């Protein structure tokens, strides 16, 4: 459109100049060595037209949005299963305790550790929630067993792998008794949990988000003939010995 307008304008000036050359006054100026004002005037008008056509276009740039596209599903993080200790990845983890431990003021625990979590966006902070024996129909089991853990994102790294969470499954701290206990680790982007959901309280996701989960099954058993295990990932923590 700009080229068409400019061409049309210059064609009009050309015709004006041809008429100007037939003007006796301009013929006299040519013979007397005086320069006609028509070429300069035509050039000045053409330059003015170019400025009028191009400058507004440069002043009307459409701003680009920098807001994230919220219509796409947020890709959930994932647990690097190969990094989990094979002793914890078994179908049943046995945690023993007994009178020998109680007499020595020792508590028995097993550290449920997930060494690595993969997240494609290194800037995203992840929230981890741990649940013990979660039952959607039992409000007493629905709250996280411990406060949320956060795997912080960073703008200074491009790594997609980050250190994962862990839960010391301690009989005294968690208040569990003998029997089989199901421990669920749920991880998602910070802010993705829908805490208003009543179908799966405290672990449901907001629309557009998804979570990853990993399950441990722990069998707590009484053994009064020996002390509980202390080799990692188990630990026997006695009073005065520190965590």
C-alpha atoms as a PDB file:
ATOM      1  CA  UNK A   1       0.000   0.000   0.000  1.00  0.00           C
ATOM      2  CA  UNK A   2       2.841   2.405   0.829  1.00  0.00           C
ATOM      3  CA  UNK A   3       4.555   1.735  -2.537  1.00  0.00           C
ATOM      4  CA  UNK A   4       1.263   2.366  -4.411  1.00  0.00           C
ATOM      5  CA  UNK A   5       0.627   5.690  -2.677  1.00  0.00           C
ATOM      6  CA  UNK A   6       4.198   6.851  -3.297  1.00  0.00           C
ATOM      7  CA  UNK A   7       4.079   5.840  -6.975  1.00  0.00           C
ATOM      8  CA  UNK A   8       0.775   7.654  -7.453  1.00  0.00           C
ATOM      9  CA  UNK A   9       2.183  10.791  -5.823  1.00  0.00           C
ATOM     10  CA  UNK A  10       5.383  10.796  -7.909  1.00  0.00           C
ATOM     11  CA  UNK A  11       3.415  10.295 -11.124  1.00  0.00           C
ATOM     12  CA  UNK A  12       1.436  13.430 -10.332  1.00  0.00           C
ATOM     13  CA  UNK A  13       4.638  15.369  -9.707  1.00  0.00           C
ATOM     14  CA  UNK A  14       6.085  14.119 -13.002  1.00  0.00           C
ATOM     15  CA  UNK A  15       3.131  15.497 -14.887  1.00  0.00           C
ATOM     16  CA  UNK A  16       3.402  18.778 -12.990  1.00  0.00           C
ATOM     17  CA  UNK A  17       7.069  19.019 -13.925  1.00  0.00           C
ATOM     18  CA  UNK A  18       6.323  18.370 -17.606  1.00  0.00           C
ATOM     19  CA  UNK A  19       3.842  21.215 -17.515  1.00  0.00           C
ATOM     20  CA  UNK A  20       6.392  23.361 -15.774  1.00  0.00           C
ATOM     21  CA  UNK A  21       8.942  22.796 -18.539  1.00  0.00           C
ATOM     22  CA  UNK A  22       6.416  24.138 -21.104  1.00  0.00           C
ATOM     23  CA  UNK A  23       5.938  27.263 -19.056  1.00  0.00           C
ATOM     24  CA  UNK A  24       7.782  30.192 -20.769  1.00  0.00           C
ATOM     25  CA  UNK A  25       8.825  31.514 -17.392  1.00  0.00           C
ATOM     26  CA  UNK A  26      10.651  28.300 -16.595  1.00  0.00           C
ATOM     27  CA  UNK A  27      12.238  28.232 -20.064  1.00  0.00           C
ATOM     28  CA  UNK A  28      13.573  31.707 -19.336  1.00  0.00           C
ATOM     29  CA  UNK A  29      14.959  30.475 -15.988  1.00  0.00           C
ATOM     30  CA  UNK A  30      16.730  27.618 -17.745  1.00  0.00           C
ATOM     31  CA  UNK A  31      18.335  29.896 -20.325  1.00  0.00           C
ATOM     32  CA  UNK A  32      19.394  32.417 -17.707  1.00  0.00           C
ATOM     33  CA  UNK A  33      21.054  29.745 -15.572  1.00  0.00           C
ATOM     34  CA  UNK A  34      18.455  29.897 -12.800  1.00  0.00           C
ATOM     35  CA  UNK A  35      17.352  26.553 -11.321  1.00  0.00           C
ATOM     36  CA  UNK A  36      13.729  25.692 -11.343  1.00  0.00           C
ATOM     37  CA  UNK A  37      12.144  25.181  -7.903  1.00  0.00           C
ATOM     38  CA  UNK A  38       9.958  22.311  -9.129  1.00  0.00           C
ATOM     39  CA  UNK A  39      12.475  19.426  -8.735  1.00  0.00           C
ATOM     40  CA  UNK A  40      13.382  20.517  -5.199  1.00  0.00           C
ATOM     41  CA  UNK A  41       9.740  21.019  -4.313  1.00  0.00           C
ATOM     42  CA  UNK A  42       8.832  17.574  -5.686  1.00  0.00           C
ATOM     43  CA  UNK A  43      11.646  15.948  -3.726  1.00  0.00           C
ATOM     44  CA  UNK A  44      10.622  17.726  -0.546  1.00  0.00           C
ATOM     45  CA  UNK A  45       7.003  16.656  -0.985  1.00  0.00           C
ATOM     46  CA  UNK A  46       8.060  13.063  -1.664  1.00  0.00           C
ATOM     47  CA  UNK A  47      10.210  13.019   1.459  1.00  0.00           C
ATOM     48  CA  UNK A  48       7.311  14.431   3.484  1.00  0.00           C
ATOM     49  CA  UNK A  49       5.046  11.693   2.145  1.00  0.00           C
ATOM     50  CA  UNK A  50       7.573   8.994   3.070  1.00  0.00           C
ATOM     51  CA  UNK A  51       7.775  10.323   6.607  1.00  0.00           C
ATOM     52  CA  UNK A  52       3.995  10.516   6.859  1.00  0.00           C
ATOM     53  CA  UNK A  53       3.618   6.916   5.657  1.00  0.00           C
ATOM     54  CA  UNK A  54       6.426   5.236   7.596  1.00  0.00           C
ATOM     55  CA  UNK A  55       6.559   7.039  10.944  1.00  0.00           C
ATOM     56  CA  UNK A  56       3.013   6.167  12.063  1.00  0.00           C
ATOM     57  CA  UNK A  57       3.659   2.517  11.195  1.00  0.00           C
ATOM     58  CA  UNK A  58       6.711   2.459  13.458  1.00  0.00           C
ATOM     59  CA  UNK A  59       4.712   4.128  16.242  1.00  0.00           C
ATOM     60  CA  UNK A  60       1.977   1.485  16.173  1.00  0.00           C
ATOM     61  CA  UNK A  61       3.940  -1.619  17.183  1.00  0.00           C
ATOM     62  CA  UNK A  62       1.729  -4.211  18.857  1.00  0.00           C
ATOM     63  CA  UNK A  63       3.101  -5.146  22.308  1.00  0.00           C
ATOM     64  CA  UNK A  64       3.880  -8.841  22.790  1.00  0.00           C
ATOM     65  CA  UNK A  65       2.428 -10.647  25.796  1.00  0.00           C
ATOM     66  CA  UNK A  66       4.917 -12.185  28.228  1.00  0.00           C
ATOM     67  CA  UNK A  67       2.255 -13.994  30.250  1.00  0.00           C
ATOM     68  CA  UNK A  68       2.538 -17.813  30.277  1.00  0.00           C
ATOM     69  CA  UNK A  69      -0.005 -19.787  28.291  1.00  0.00           C
ATOM     70  CA  UNK A  70      -2.293 -21.067  31.034  1.00  0.00           C
ATOM     71  CA  UNK A  71      -4.364 -23.132  28.598  1.00  0.00           C
ATOM     72  CA  UNK A  72      -1.681 -25.834  28.349  1.00  0.00           C
ATOM     73  CA  UNK A  73      -1.307 -28.685  30.809  1.00  0.00           C
ATOM     74  CA  UNK A  74       1.659 -28.190  33.100  1.00  0.00           C
ATOM     75  CA  UNK A  75       3.950 -31.172  32.593  1.00  0.00           C
ATOM     76  CA  UNK A  76       4.323 -32.891  35.976  1.00  0.00           C
ATOM     77  CA  UNK A  77       7.688 -33.747  37.496  1.00  0.00           C
ATOM     78  CA  UNK A  78       8.738 -37.373  37.665  1.00  0.00           C
ATOM     79  CA  UNK A  79      10.559 -39.567  40.140  1.00  0.00           C
ATOM     80  CA  UNK A  80      13.815 -41.097  38.894  1.00  0.00           C
ATOM     81  CA  UNK A  81      12.924 -44.624  39.962  1.00  0.00           C
ATOM     82  CA  UNK A  82      16.353 -46.024  39.068  1.00  0.00           C
ATOM     83  CA  UNK A  83      17.908 -43.821  41.747  1.00  0.00           C
ATOM     84  CA  UNK A  84      15.754 -45.209  44.581  1.00  0.00           C
ATOM     85  CA  UNK A  85      17.524 -47.631  46.921  1.00  0.00           C
ATOM     86  CA  UNK A  86      16.481 -51.168  45.897  1.00  0.00           C
ATOM     87  CA  UNK A  87      15.880 -51.953  49.565  1.00  0.00           C
ATOM     88  CA  UNK A  88      13.166 -49.286  49.550  1.00  0.00           C
ATOM     89  CA  UNK A  89      11.778 -50.131  46.140  1.00  0.00           C
ATOM     90  CA  UNK A  90      10.736 -53.614  47.268  1.00  0.00           C
ATOM     91  CA  UNK A  91       7.109 -54.520  47.825  1.00  0.00           C
ATOM     92  CA  UNK A  92       7.508 -54.448  51.623  1.00  0.00           C
ATOM     93  CA  UNK A  93       9.924 -52.626  53.932  1.00  0.00           C
ATOM     94  CA  UNK A  94      10.185 -54.195  57.379  1.00  0.00           C
ATOM     95  CA  UNK A  95      10.782 -51.913  60.362  1.00  0.00           C
ATOM     96  CA  UNK A  96      11.357 -53.752  63.627  1.00  0.00           C
ATOM     97  CA  UNK A  97      11.302 -52.397  67.176  1.00  0.00           C
ATOM     98  CA  UNK A  98      11.087 -53.929  70.628  1.00  0.00           C
ATOM     99  CA  UNK A  99      11.797 -53.877  74.331  1.00  0.00           C
ATOM    100  CA  UNK A 100      15.570 -53.713  73.882  1.00  0.00           C
ATOM    101  CA  UNK A 101      15.194 -50.463  71.993  1.00  0.00           C
ATOM    102  CA  UNK A 102      12.732 -49.056  74.512  1.00  0.00           C
ATOM    103  CA  UNK A 103      15.012 -49.915  77.447  1.00  0.00           C
ATOM    104  CA  UNK A 104      17.868 -48.009  75.806  1.00  0.00           C
ATOM    105  CA  UNK A 105      15.600 -45.040  75.005  1.00  0.00           C
ATOM    106  CA  UNK A 106      16.113 -45.646  71.301  1.00  0.00           C
ATOM    107  CA  UNK A 107      13.674 -45.105  68.473  1.00  0.00           C
ATOM    108  CA  UNK A 108      13.669 -47.068  65.264  1.00  0.00           C
ATOM    109  CA  UNK A 109      13.205 -45.522  61.850  1.00  0.00           C
ATOM    110  CA  UNK A 110      13.703 -46.069  58.161  1.00  0.00           C
ATOM    111  CA  UNK A 111      14.520 -43.125  55.924  1.00  0.00           C
ATOM    112  CA  UNK A 112      12.274 -43.163  52.863  1.00  0.00           C
ATOM    113  CA  UNK A 113      14.477 -41.350  50.402  1.00  0.00           C
ATOM    114  CA  UNK A 114      13.890 -40.317  46.800  1.00  0.00           C
ATOM    115  CA  UNK A 115      17.324 -39.202  45.596  1.00  0.00           C
ATOM    116  CA  UNK A 116      16.297 -37.484  42.358  1.00  0.00           C
ATOM    117  CA  UNK A 117      13.292 -35.797  40.818  1.00  0.00           C
ATOM    118  CA  UNK A 118      13.177 -34.722  37.185  1.00  0.00           C
ATOM    119  CA  UNK A 119      11.541 -31.425  36.261  1.00  0.00           C
ATOM    120  CA  UNK A 120      11.808 -30.006  32.728  1.00  0.00           C
ATOM    121  CA  UNK A 121      11.598 -26.400  33.928  1.00  0.00           C
ATOM    122  CA  UNK A 122      14.565 -25.704  36.244  1.00  0.00           C
ATOM    123  CA  UNK A 123      13.007 -22.412  37.395  1.00  0.00           C
ATOM    124  CA  UNK A 124       9.913 -24.079  38.871  1.00  0.00           C
ATOM    125  CA  UNK A 125       9.718 -24.729  42.616  1.00  0.00           C
ATOM    126  CA  UNK A 126       8.152 -28.071  43.522  1.00  0.00           C
ATOM    127  CA  UNK A 127       6.058 -28.878  46.577  1.00  0.00           C
ATOM    128  CA  UNK A 128       6.204 -32.308  48.194  1.00  0.00           C
ATOM    129  CA  UNK A 129       3.550 -33.750  50.489  1.00  0.00           C
ATOM    130  CA  UNK A 130       3.820 -36.999  52.419  1.00  0.00           C
ATOM    131  CA  UNK A 131       0.781 -39.028  53.443  1.00  0.00           C
ATOM    132  CA  UNK A 132       0.573 -42.067  55.717  1.00  0.00           C
ATOM    133  CA  UNK A 133      -2.368 -44.442  55.227  1.00  0.00           C
ATOM    134  CA  UNK A 134      -4.298 -41.835  53.216  1.00  0.00           C
ATOM    135  CA  UNK A 135      -8.027 -42.571  53.024  1.00  0.00           C
ATOM    136  CA  UNK A 136     -10.373 -40.192  51.148  1.00  0.00           C
ATOM    137  CA  UNK A 137     -13.150 -41.255  53.503  1.00  0.00           C
ATOM    138  CA  UNK A 138     -11.209 -40.707  56.746  1.00  0.00           C
ATOM    139  CA  UNK A 139     -10.411 -37.051  57.560  1.00  0.00           C
ATOM    140  CA  UNK A 140      -7.862 -38.046  60.214  1.00  0.00           C
ATOM    141  CA  UNK A 141      -5.624 -39.611  57.530  1.00  0.00           C
ATOM    142  CA  UNK A 142      -5.904 -36.878  54.923  1.00  0.00           C
ATOM    143  CA  UNK A 143      -3.581 -34.242  56.294  1.00  0.00           C
ATOM    144  CA  UNK A 144       0.097 -34.496  55.331  1.00  0.00           C
ATOM    145  CA  UNK A 145       2.132 -36.442  57.866  1.00  0.00           C
ATOM    146  CA  UNK A 146       4.775 -33.691  57.970  1.00  0.00           C
ATOM    147  CA  UNK A 147       4.901 -30.071  56.735  1.00  0.00           C
ATOM    148  CA  UNK A 148       5.347 -29.624  52.994  1.00  0.00           C
ATOM    149  CA  UNK A 149       8.862 -29.873  51.623  1.00  0.00           C
ATOM    150  CA  UNK A 150       9.977 -27.610  48.779  1.00  0.00           C
ATOM    151  CA  UNK A 151      12.437 -28.372  46.003  1.00  0.00           C
ATOM    152  CA  UNK A 152      13.462 -24.896  44.942  1.00  0.00           C
ATOM    153  CA  UNK A 153      13.865 -23.887  41.329  1.00  0.00           C
ATOM    154  CA  UNK A 154      16.672 -21.656  40.078  1.00  0.00           C
ATOM    155  CA  UNK A 155      17.298 -19.235  37.214  1.00  0.00           C
ATOM    156  CA  UNK A 156      21.032 -19.953  37.505  1.00  0.00           C
ATOM    157  CA  UNK A 157      20.858 -23.577  36.381  1.00  0.00           C
ATOM    158  CA  UNK A 158      19.616 -25.509  33.376  1.00  0.00           C
ATOM    159  CA  UNK A 159      19.679 -28.888  35.126  1.00  0.00           C
ATOM    160  CA  UNK A 160      16.445 -30.864  34.927  1.00  0.00           C
ATOM    161  CA  UNK A 161      17.438 -33.200  37.776  1.00  0.00           C
ATOM    162  CA  UNK A 162      17.302 -32.006  41.361  1.00  0.00           C
ATOM    163  CA  UNK A 163      17.722 -33.567  44.778  1.00  0.00           C
ATOM    164  CA  UNK A 164      14.539 -35.273  45.859  1.00  0.00           C
ATOM    165  CA  UNK A 165      12.720 -35.402  49.197  1.00  0.00           C
ATOM    166  CA  UNK A 166      12.991 -37.819  52.089  1.00  0.00           C
ATOM    167  CA  UNK A 167      10.870 -38.821  55.074  1.00  0.00           C
ATOM    168  CA  UNK A 168      12.291 -40.344  58.268  1.00  0.00           C
ATOM    169  CA  UNK A 169       9.593 -42.899  59.003  1.00  0.00           C
ATOM    170  CA  UNK A 170       9.917 -42.766  62.780  1.00  0.00           C
ATOM    171  CA  UNK A 171       7.553 -44.773  64.957  1.00  0.00           C
ATOM    172  CA  UNK A 172       7.414 -42.202  67.721  1.00  0.00           C
ATOM    173  CA  UNK A 173       7.273 -39.071  65.563  1.00  0.00           C
ATOM    174  CA  UNK A 174       4.533 -40.395  63.299  1.00  0.00           C
ATOM    175  CA  UNK A 175       2.648 -42.203  66.041  1.00  0.00           C
ATOM    176  CA  UNK A 176       2.231 -45.417  64.060  1.00  0.00           C
ATOM    177  CA  UNK A 177       1.642 -48.855  65.541  1.00  0.00           C
ATOM    178  CA  UNK A 178       2.383 -52.384  64.384  1.00  0.00           C
ATOM    179  CA  UNK A 179       0.941 -53.298  61.046  1.00  0.00           C
ATOM    180  CA  UNK A 180       1.271 -52.426  57.368  1.00  0.00           C
ATOM    181  CA  UNK A 181       1.387 -48.733  56.503  1.00  0.00           C
ATOM    182  CA  UNK A 182       1.162 -47.146  53.070  1.00  0.00           C
ATOM    183  CA  UNK A 183       3.284 -44.033  52.598  1.00  0.00           C
ATOM    184  CA  UNK A 184       2.619 -41.839  49.574  1.00  0.00           C
ATOM    185  CA  UNK A 185       4.902 -39.089  48.355  1.00  0.00           C
ATOM    186  CA  UNK A 186       3.111 -36.600  46.077  1.00  0.00           C
ATOM    187  CA  UNK A 187       5.053 -33.891  44.213  1.00  0.00           C
ATOM    188  CA  UNK A 188       3.780 -31.102  41.975  1.00  0.00           C
ATOM    189  CA  UNK A 189       4.476 -27.484  41.100  1.00  0.00           C
ATOM    190  CA  UNK A 190       4.187 -25.097  44.005  1.00  0.00           C
ATOM    191  CA  UNK A 191       0.656 -23.706  43.999  1.00  0.00           C
ATOM    192  CA  UNK A 192      -0.774 -26.649  42.050  1.00  0.00           C
ATOM    193  CA  UNK A 193      -2.506 -28.376  44.974  1.00  0.00           C
ATOM    194  CA  UNK A 194      -6.241 -27.714  45.182  1.00  0.00           C
ATOM    195  CA  UNK A 195      -6.835 -27.388  48.917  1.00  0.00           C
ATOM    196  CA  UNK A 196     -10.541 -26.674  48.375  1.00  0.00           C
ATOM    197  CA  UNK A 197     -11.150 -30.085  46.822  1.00  0.00           C
ATOM    198  CA  UNK A 198     -13.292 -32.380  48.982  1.00  0.00           C
ATOM    199  CA  UNK A 199     -12.923 -35.562  46.929  1.00  0.00           C
ATOM    200  CA  UNK A 200      -9.185 -35.985  47.567  1.00  0.00           C
ATOM    201  CA  UNK A 201      -8.416 -33.388  50.255  1.00  0.00           C
ATOM    202  CA  UNK A 202      -4.868 -32.019  50.346  1.00  0.00           C
ATOM    203  CA  UNK A 203      -3.673 -34.013  47.351  1.00  0.00           C
ATOM    204  CA  UNK A 204      -5.985 -33.098  44.455  1.00  0.00           C
ATOM    205  CA  UNK A 205      -4.642 -30.830  41.700  1.00  0.00           C
ATOM    206  CA  UNK A 206      -5.960 -27.606  40.261  1.00  0.00           C
ATOM    207  CA  UNK A 207      -7.171 -27.701  36.662  1.00  0.00           C
ATOM    208  CA  UNK A 208      -4.267 -27.759  34.219  1.00  0.00           C
ATOM    209  CA  UNK A 209      -1.820 -29.315  36.683  1.00  0.00           C
ATOM    210  CA  UNK A 210      -0.746 -32.883  37.359  1.00  0.00           C
ATOM    211  CA  UNK A 211       1.295 -34.549  40.083  1.00  0.00           C
ATOM    212  CA  UNK A 212       3.715 -37.441  40.375  1.00  0.00           C
ATOM    213  CA  UNK A 213       3.577 -39.948  43.212  1.00  0.00           C
ATOM    214  CA  UNK A 214       5.702 -42.685  44.684  1.00  0.00           C
ATOM    215  CA  UNK A 215       4.492 -45.279  47.202  1.00  0.00           C
ATOM    216  CA  UNK A 216       6.356 -47.079  49.949  1.00  0.00           C
ATOM    217  CA  UNK A 217       4.849 -49.906  51.978  1.00  0.00           C
ATOM    218  CA  UNK A 218       6.229 -50.330  55.500  1.00  0.00           C
ATOM    219  CA  UNK A 219       5.490 -53.242  57.805  1.00  0.00           C
ATOM    220  CA  UNK A 220       6.067 -52.307  61.463  1.00  0.00           C
ATOM    221  CA  UNK A 221       6.806 -55.361  63.586  1.00  0.00           C
ATOM    222  CA  UNK A 222       7.728 -56.014  67.217  1.00  0.00           C
ATOM    223  CA  UNK A 223      10.913 -57.970  67.935  1.00  0.00           C
ATOM    224  CA  UNK A 224      11.926 -58.216  71.585  1.00  0.00           C
ATOM    225  CA  UNK A 225      14.907 -60.446  70.940  1.00  0.00           C
ATOM    226  CA  UNK A 226      17.156 -57.983  69.143  1.00  0.00           C
ATOM    227  CA  UNK A 227      17.721 -54.279  68.613  1.00  0.00           C
ATOM    228  CA  UNK A 228      16.328 -52.673  65.522  1.00  0.00           C
ATOM    229  CA  UNK A 229      18.461 -52.249  62.429  1.00  0.00           C
ATOM    230  CA  UNK A 230      20.849 -49.329  62.126  1.00  0.00           C
ATOM    231  CA  UNK A 231      22.324 -49.883  58.671  1.00  0.00           C
ATOM    232  CA  UNK A 232      21.108 -47.320  56.088  1.00  0.00           C
ATOM    233  CA  UNK A 233      18.411 -46.672  55.138  1.00  0.00           C
ATOM    234  CA  UNK A 234      17.402 -47.870  58.641  1.00  0.00           C
ATOM    235  CA  UNK A 235      18.550 -46.024  61.727  1.00  0.00           C
ATOM    236  CA  UNK A 236      18.474 -46.532  65.485  1.00  0.00           C
ATOM    237  CA  UNK A 237      18.415 -43.173  67.214  1.00  0.00           C
ATOM    238  CA  UNK A 238      19.005 -43.186  70.961  1.00  0.00           C
ATOM    239  CA  UNK A 239      18.546 -40.426  73.494  1.00  0.00           C
ATOM    240  CA  UNK A 240      21.586 -38.148  73.643  1.00  0.00           C
ATOM    241  CA  UNK A 241      23.015 -39.493  70.381  1.00  0.00           C
ATOM    242  CA  UNK A 242      21.506 -36.819  68.150  1.00  0.00           C
ATOM    243  CA  UNK A 243      19.197 -37.311  65.184  1.00  0.00           C
END
